[in-house]
Amino acid sequence: MSSSKAKKIRQKIEKQGKVNPELLRGSWLGINPLSKITPTLQQKRTQLHNKHKRNPALERSDSFFYVDFVIFR
């Protein structure tokens, strides 16, 4: 089979000792696009519900509230 014109140019550039442009093309870095799924409605609701929750154990409050009632007659 014959090679395309672009492939011939790439091979020629590679023979000259330059970098093959095919190697510079982006890759998925091990991510399979077919294995990613969109979250279900239940997962979206759970994520939205937990998004702004704060853990009271992590919050340090050194302040306190003191009320003194004095009744005058």
PDB file of N, CA and C in Angstrom:
ATOM      1  N   MET A   1       0.839  -1.179   0.000  1.00  0.00           N
ATOM      2  CA  MET A   1       0.000   0.000   0.000  1.00  0.00           C
ATOM      3  C   MET A   1       0.887   1.246   0.000  1.00  0.00           C
ATOM      4  N   SER A   2       0.349   2.265  -0.560  1.00  0.00           N
ATOM      5  CA  SER A   2       1.114   3.509  -0.608  1.00  0.00           C
ATOM      6  C   SER A   2       0.876   4.331   0.652  1.00  0.00           C
ATOM      7  N   SER A   3       1.875   5.117   0.982  1.00  0.00           N
ATOM      8  CA  SER A   3       1.775   6.000   2.147  1.00  0.00           C
ATOM      9  C   SER A   3       1.196   7.335   1.716  1.00  0.00           C
ATOM     10  N   SER A   4       0.538   7.993   2.653  1.00  0.00           N
ATOM     11  CA  SER A   4      -0.009   9.309   2.336  1.00  0.00           C
ATOM     12  C   SER A   4       1.131  10.321   2.224  1.00  0.00           C
ATOM     13  N   LYS A   5       0.808  11.438   1.626  1.00  0.00           N
ATOM     14  CA  LYS A   5       1.814  12.483   1.435  1.00  0.00           C
ATOM     15  C   LYS A   5       2.314  12.996   2.778  1.00  0.00           C
ATOM     16  N   ALA A   6       1.389  13.159   3.733  1.00  0.00           N
ATOM     17  CA  ALA A   6       1.769  13.657   5.057  1.00  0.00           C
ATOM     18  C   ALA A   6       2.688  12.668   5.777  1.00  0.00           C
ATOM     19  N   LYS A   7       2.387  11.361   5.633  1.00  0.00           N
ATOM     20  CA  LYS A   7       3.216  10.350   6.289  1.00  0.00           C
ATOM     21  C   LYS A   7       4.626  10.327   5.689  1.00  0.00           C
ATOM     22  N   LYS A   8       4.712  10.513   4.367  1.00  0.00           N
ATOM     23  CA  LYS A   8       6.017  10.560   3.715  1.00  0.00           C
ATOM     24  C   LYS A   8       6.835  11.740   4.226  1.00  0.00           C
ATOM     25  N   ILE A   9       6.166  12.879   4.423  1.00  0.00           N
ATOM     26  CA  ILE A   9       6.864  14.065   4.935  1.00  0.00           C
ATOM     27  C   ILE A   9       7.357  13.811   6.361  1.00  0.00           C
ATOM     28  N   ARG A  10       6.516  13.172   7.182  1.00  0.00           N
ATOM     29  CA  ARG A  10       6.920  12.855   8.563  1.00  0.00           C
ATOM     30  C   ARG A  10       8.124  11.913   8.570  1.00  0.00           C
ATOM     31  N   GLN A  11       8.098  10.906   7.720  1.00  0.00           N
ATOM     32  CA  GLN A  11       9.218   9.969   7.653  1.00  0.00           C
ATOM     33  C   GLN A  11      10.495  10.659   7.194  1.00  0.00           C
ATOM     34  N   LYS A  12      10.362  11.575   6.252  1.00  0.00           N
ATOM     35  CA  LYS A  12      11.518  12.314   5.763  1.00  0.00           C
ATOM     36  C   LYS A  12      12.121  13.171   6.872  1.00  0.00           C
ATOM     37  N   ILE A  13      11.253  13.830   7.631  1.00  0.00           N
ATOM     38  CA  ILE A  13      11.723  14.661   8.753  1.00  0.00           C
ATOM     39  C   ILE A  13      12.416  13.794   9.793  1.00  0.00           C
ATOM     40  N   GLU A  14      11.877  12.612  10.047  1.00  0.00           N
ATOM     41  CA  GLU A  14      12.473  11.706  11.030  1.00  0.00           C
ATOM     42  C   GLU A  14      13.836  11.197  10.557  1.00  0.00           C
ATOM     43  N   LYS A  15      13.977  10.938   9.268  1.00  0.00           N
ATOM     44  CA  LYS A  15      15.256  10.479   8.724  1.00  0.00           C
ATOM     45  C   LYS A  15      16.333  11.554   8.832  1.00  0.00           C
ATOM     46  N   GLN A  16      15.919  12.806   8.825  1.00  0.00           N
ATOM     47  CA  GLN A  16      16.860  13.913   8.944  1.00  0.00           C
ATOM     48  C   GLN A  16      17.315  14.109  10.391  1.00  0.00           C
ATOM     49  N   GLY A  17      16.753  13.334  11.300  1.00  0.00           N
ATOM     50  CA  GLY A  17      17.168  13.410  12.698  1.00  0.00           C
ATOM     51  C   GLY A  17      16.337  14.364  13.532  1.00  0.00           C
ATOM     52  N   LYS A  18      15.256  14.849  12.973  1.00  0.00           N
ATOM     53  CA  LYS A  18      14.382  15.754  13.721  1.00  0.00           C
ATOM     54  C   LYS A  18      13.299  14.953  14.440  1.00  0.00           C
ATOM     55  N   VAL A  19      12.565  15.639  15.290  1.00  0.00           N
ATOM     56  CA  VAL A  19      11.534  14.968  16.089  1.00  0.00           C
ATOM     57  C   VAL A  19      10.325  14.654  15.217  1.00  0.00           C
ATOM     58  N   ASN A  20       9.831  13.436  15.382  1.00  0.00           N
ATOM     59  CA  ASN A  20       8.640  13.015  14.662  1.00  0.00           C
ATOM     60  C   ASN A  20       7.418  13.709  15.292  1.00  0.00           C
ATOM     61  N   PRO A  21       6.622  14.428  14.513  1.00  0.00           N
ATOM     62  CA  PRO A  21       5.461  15.122  15.077  1.00  0.00           C
ATOM     63  C   PRO A  21       4.427  14.189  15.707  1.00  0.00           C
ATOM     64  N   GLU A  22       4.428  12.930  15.303  1.00  0.00           N
ATOM     65  CA  GLU A  22       3.494  11.974  15.900  1.00  0.00           C
ATOM     66  C   GLU A  22       3.766  11.799  17.390  1.00  0.00           C
ATOM     67  N   LEU A  23       5.040  11.956  17.783  1.00  0.00           N
ATOM     68  CA  LEU A  23       5.385  11.795  19.193  1.00  0.00           C
ATOM     69  C   LEU A  23       4.939  12.980  20.034  1.00  0.00           C
ATOM     70  N   LEU A  24       4.715  14.126  19.390  1.00  0.00           N
ATOM     71  CA  LEU A  24       4.320  15.328  20.122  1.00  0.00           C
ATOM     72  C   LEU A  24       2.811  15.431  20.320  1.00  0.00           C
ATOM     73  N   ARG A  25       2.076  14.553  19.707  1.00  0.00           N
ATOM     74  CA  ARG A  25       0.620  14.588  19.840  1.00  0.00           C
ATOM     75  C   ARG A  25       0.221  14.204  21.250  1.00  0.00           C
ATOM     76  N   GLY A  26      -0.853  14.833  21.732  1.00  0.00           N
ATOM     77  CA  GLY A  26      -1.322  14.573  23.095  1.00  0.00           C
ATOM     78  C   GLY A  26      -1.805  13.148  23.270  1.00  0.00           C
ATOM     79  N   SER A  27      -1.697  12.667  24.468  1.00  0.00           N
ATOM     80  CA  SER A  27      -2.161  11.325  24.774  1.00  0.00           C
ATOM     81  C   SER A  27      -3.167  11.400  25.905  1.00  0.00           C
ATOM     82  N   TRP A  28      -3.831  10.326  26.145  1.00  0.00           N
ATOM     83  CA  TRP A  28      -4.827  10.260  27.225  1.00  0.00           C
ATOM     84  C   TRP A  28      -4.168   9.970  28.565  1.00  0.00           C
ATOM     85  N   LEU A  29      -2.870   9.709  28.587  1.00  0.00           N
ATOM     86  CA  LEU A  29      -2.113   9.430  29.808  1.00  0.00           C
ATOM     87  C   LEU A  29      -2.747   8.322  30.639  1.00  0.00           C
ATOM     88  N   GLY A  30      -3.124   7.266  29.990  1.00  0.00           N
ATOM     89  CA  GLY A  30      -3.655   6.113  30.691  1.00  0.00           C
ATOM     90  C   GLY A  30      -5.136   6.182  31.000  1.00  0.00           C
ATOM     91  N   ILE A  31      -5.815   7.236  30.590  1.00  0.00           N
ATOM     92  CA  ILE A  31      -7.249   7.355  30.861  1.00  0.00           C
ATOM     93  C   ILE A  31      -8.011   6.752  29.685  1.00  0.00           C
ATOM     94  N   ASN A  32      -8.889   5.849  29.989  1.00  0.00           N
ATOM     95  CA  ASN A  32      -9.729   5.254  28.967  1.00  0.00           C
ATOM     96  C   ASN A  32     -11.037   6.044  28.945  1.00  0.00           C
ATOM     97  N   PRO A  33     -11.337   6.768  27.872  1.00  0.00           N
ATOM     98  CA  PRO A  33     -12.527   7.604  27.870  1.00  0.00           C
ATOM     99  C   PRO A  33     -13.821   6.809  27.953  1.00  0.00           C
ATOM    100  N   LEU A  34     -13.773   5.544  27.635  1.00  0.00           N
ATOM    101  CA  LEU A  34     -14.973   4.730  27.700  1.00  0.00           C
ATOM    102  C   LEU A  34     -15.283   4.267  29.115  1.00  0.00           C
ATOM    103  N   SER A  35     -14.297   4.311  30.005  1.00  0.00           N
ATOM    104  CA  SER A  35     -14.521   3.826  31.358  1.00  0.00           C
ATOM    105  C   SER A  35     -15.104   4.906  32.259  1.00  0.00           C
ATOM    106  N   LYS A  36     -15.058   6.177  31.828  1.00  0.00           N
ATOM    107  CA  LYS A  36     -15.608   7.244  32.647  1.00  0.00           C
ATOM    108  C   LYS A  36     -17.113   7.310  32.426  1.00  0.00           C
ATOM    109  N   ILE A  37     -17.854   7.405  33.502  1.00  0.00           N
ATOM    110  CA  ILE A  37     -19.299   7.489  33.387  1.00  0.00           C
ATOM    111  C   ILE A  37     -19.774   8.768  34.061  1.00  0.00           C
ATOM    112  N   THR A  38     -20.906   9.251  33.634  1.00  0.00           N
ATOM    113  CA  THR A  38     -21.464  10.445  34.253  1.00  0.00           C
ATOM    114  C   THR A  38     -22.123  10.058  35.561  1.00  0.00           C
ATOM    115  N   PRO A  39     -22.108  10.952  36.544  1.00  0.00           N
ATOM    116  CA  PRO A  39     -22.709  10.606  37.825  1.00  0.00           C
ATOM    117  C   PRO A  39     -24.226  10.483  37.719  1.00  0.00           C
ATOM    118  N   THR A  40     -24.771   9.614  38.536  1.00  0.00           N
ATOM    119  CA  THR A  40     -26.213   9.439  38.559  1.00  0.00           C
ATOM    120  C   THR A  40     -26.847  10.608  39.297  1.00  0.00           C
ATOM    121  N   LEU A  41     -28.154  10.700  39.233  1.00  0.00           N
ATOM    122  CA  LEU A  41     -28.867  11.777  39.910  1.00  0.00           C
ATOM    123  C   LEU A  41     -28.641  11.688  41.420  1.00  0.00           C
ATOM    124  N   GLN A  42     -28.628  10.473  41.947  1.00  0.00           N
ATOM    125  CA  GLN A  42     -28.399  10.289  43.382  1.00  0.00           C
ATOM    126  C   GLN A  42     -26.998  10.769  43.769  1.00  0.00           C
ATOM    127  N   GLN A  43     -25.993  10.472  42.951  1.00  0.00           N
ATOM    128  CA  GLN A  43     -24.628  10.916  43.233  1.00  0.00           C
ATOM    129  C   GLN A  43     -24.520  12.428  43.167  1.00  0.00           C
ATOM    130  N   LYS A  44     -25.196  13.060  42.211  1.00  0.00           N
ATOM    131  CA  LYS A  44     -25.185  14.519  42.109  1.00  0.00           C
ATOM    132  C   LYS A  44     -25.817  15.154  43.340  1.00  0.00           C
ATOM    133  N   ARG A  45     -26.937  14.596  43.778  1.00  0.00           N
ATOM    134  CA  ARG A  45     -27.618  15.140  44.961  1.00  0.00           C
ATOM    135  C   ARG A  45     -26.767  14.990  46.210  1.00  0.00           C
ATOM    136  N   THR A  46     -26.119  13.839  46.356  1.00  0.00           N
ATOM    137  CA  THR A  46     -25.250  13.611  47.515  1.00  0.00           C
ATOM    138  C   THR A  46     -24.073  14.572  47.507  1.00  0.00           C
ATOM    139  N   GLN A  47     -23.482  14.782  46.342  1.00  0.00           N
ATOM    140  CA  GLN A  47     -22.340  15.688  46.236  1.00  0.00           C
ATOM    141  C   GLN A  47     -22.763  17.119  46.558  1.00  0.00           C
ATOM    142  N   LEU A  48     -23.917  17.534  46.065  1.00  0.00           N
ATOM    143  CA  LEU A  48     -24.406  18.879  46.329  1.00  0.00           C
ATOM    144  C   LEU A  48     -24.755  19.048  47.802  1.00  0.00           C
ATOM    145  N   HIS A  49     -25.304  18.000  48.412  1.00  0.00           N
ATOM    146  CA  HIS A  49     -25.675  18.056  49.824  1.00  0.00           C
ATOM    147  C   HIS A  49     -24.443  18.161  50.727  1.00  0.00           C
ATOM    148  N   ASN A  50     -23.386  17.440  50.364  1.00  0.00           N
ATOM    149  CA  ASN A  50     -22.183  17.410  51.198  1.00  0.00           C
ATOM    150  C   ASN A  50     -21.190  18.521  50.871  1.00  0.00           C
ATOM    151  N   LYS A  51     -21.474  19.310  49.845  1.00  0.00           N
ATOM    152  CA  LYS A  51     -20.503  20.287  49.357  1.00  0.00           C
ATOM    153  C   LYS A  51     -20.160  21.332  50.413  1.00  0.00           C
ATOM    154  N   HIS A  52     -21.153  21.870  51.081  1.00  0.00           N
ATOM    155  CA  HIS A  52     -20.908  22.979  51.996  1.00  0.00           C
ATOM    156  C   HIS A  52     -21.005  22.574  53.464  1.00  0.00           C
ATOM    157  N   LYS A  53     -21.019  21.289  53.721  1.00  0.00           N
ATOM    158  CA  LYS A  53     -21.054  20.853  55.115  1.00  0.00           C
ATOM    159  C   LYS A  53     -19.706  21.102  55.767  1.00  0.00           C
ATOM    160  N   ARG A  54     -19.748  21.533  56.976  1.00  0.00           N
ATOM    161  CA  ARG A  54     -18.513  21.772  57.711  1.00  0.00           C
ATOM    162  C   ARG A  54     -18.424  20.747  58.847  1.00  0.00           C
ATOM    163  N   ASN A  55     -17.219  20.343  59.129  1.00  0.00           N
ATOM    164  CA  ASN A  55     -17.001  19.398  60.204  1.00  0.00           C
ATOM    165  C   ASN A  55     -16.807  20.195  61.493  1.00  0.00           C
ATOM    166  N   PRO A  56     -17.709  20.092  62.465  1.00  0.00           N
ATOM    167  CA  PRO A  56     -17.576  20.874  63.691  1.00  0.00           C
ATOM    168  C   PRO A  56     -16.345  20.494  64.509  1.00  0.00           C
ATOM    169  N   ALA A  57     -15.827  19.300  64.314  1.00  0.00           N
ATOM    170  CA  ALA A  57     -14.642  18.881  65.052  1.00  0.00           C
ATOM    171  C   ALA A  57     -13.408  19.667  64.589  1.00  0.00           C
ATOM    172  N   LEU A  58     -13.417  20.123  63.334  1.00  0.00           N
ATOM    173  CA  LEU A  58     -12.272  20.844  62.801  1.00  0.00           C
ATOM    174  C   LEU A  58     -12.330  22.335  63.113  1.00  0.00           C
ATOM    175  N   GLU A  59     -13.516  22.837  63.426  1.00  0.00           N
ATOM    176  CA  GLU A  59     -13.653  24.257  63.726  1.00  0.00           C
ATOM    177  C   GLU A  59     -13.310  24.496  65.191  1.00  0.00           C
ATOM    178  N   ARG A  60     -12.410  25.423  65.429  1.00  0.00           N
ATOM    179  CA  ARG A  60     -12.028  25.757  66.797  1.00  0.00           C
ATOM    180  C   ARG A  60     -12.624  27.105  67.129  1.00  0.00           C
ATOM    181  N   SER A  61     -13.388  27.117  68.183  1.00  0.00           N
ATOM    182  CA  SER A  61     -13.999  28.359  68.605  1.00  0.00           C
ATOM    183  C   SER A  61     -13.571  28.601  70.044  1.00  0.00           C
ATOM    184  N   ASP A  62     -12.727  29.615  70.254  1.00  0.00           N
ATOM    185  CA  ASP A  62     -12.254  29.935  71.592  1.00  0.00           C
ATOM    186  C   ASP A  62     -13.172  30.948  72.284  1.00  0.00           C
ATOM    187  N   SER A  63     -14.198  31.373  71.605  1.00  0.00           N
ATOM    188  CA  SER A  63     -15.098  32.361  72.189  1.00  0.00           C
ATOM    189  C   SER A  63     -16.238  31.656  72.927  1.00  0.00           C
ATOM    190  N   PHE A  64     -16.866  32.392  73.812  1.00  0.00           N
ATOM    191  CA  PHE A  64     -18.028  31.876  74.511  1.00  0.00           C
ATOM    192  C   PHE A  64     -19.025  33.008  74.668  1.00  0.00           C
ATOM    193  N   PHE A  65     -20.250  32.646  75.006  1.00  0.00           N
ATOM    194  CA  PHE A  65     -21.325  33.616  75.111  1.00  0.00           C
ATOM    195  C   PHE A  65     -21.818  33.603  76.556  1.00  0.00           C
ATOM    196  N   TYR A  66     -21.825  34.776  77.173  1.00  0.00           N
ATOM    197  CA  TYR A  66     -22.235  34.882  78.570  1.00  0.00           C
ATOM    198  C   TYR A  66     -23.337  35.924  78.662  1.00  0.00           C
ATOM    199  N   VAL A  67     -24.438  35.535  79.301  1.00  0.00           N
ATOM    200  CA  VAL A  67     -25.559  36.452  79.475  1.00  0.00           C
ATOM    201  C   VAL A  67     -25.833  36.562  80.966  1.00  0.00           C
ATOM    202  N   ASP A  68     -25.918  37.772  81.434  1.00  0.00           N
ATOM    203  CA  ASP A  68     -26.234  38.025  82.834  1.00  0.00           C
ATOM    204  C   ASP A  68     -27.488  38.894  82.893  1.00  0.00           C
ATOM    205  N   PHE A  69     -28.543  38.306  83.426  1.00  0.00           N
ATOM    206  CA  PHE A  69     -29.800  39.062  83.521  1.00  0.00           C
ATOM    207  C   PHE A  69     -29.896  39.661  84.914  1.00  0.00           C
ATOM    208  N   VAL A  70     -30.171  40.909  84.938  1.00  0.00           N
ATOM    209  CA  VAL A  70     -30.394  41.609  86.199  1.00  0.00           C
ATOM    210  C   VAL A  70     -31.795  42.205  86.121  1.00  0.00           C
ATOM    211  N   ILE A  71     -32.596  41.839  87.092  1.00  0.00           N
ATOM    212  CA  ILE A  71     -33.981  42.319  87.110  1.00  0.00           C
ATOM    213  C   ILE A  71     -34.100  43.410  88.181  1.00  0.00           C
ATOM    214  N   PHE A  72     -34.561  44.573  87.768  1.00  0.00           N
ATOM    215  CA  PHE A  72     -34.773  45.673  88.691  1.00  0.00           C
ATOM    216  C   PHE A  72     -36.253  45.741  89.043  1.00  0.00           C
ATOM    217  N   ARG A  73     -36.541  45.966  90.366  1.00  0.00           N
ATOM    218  CA  ARG A  73     -37.936  46.093  90.779  1.00  0.00           C
ATOM    219  C   ARG A  73     -38.250  47.453  91.246  1.00  0.00           C
TER     220      ARG A  73
END
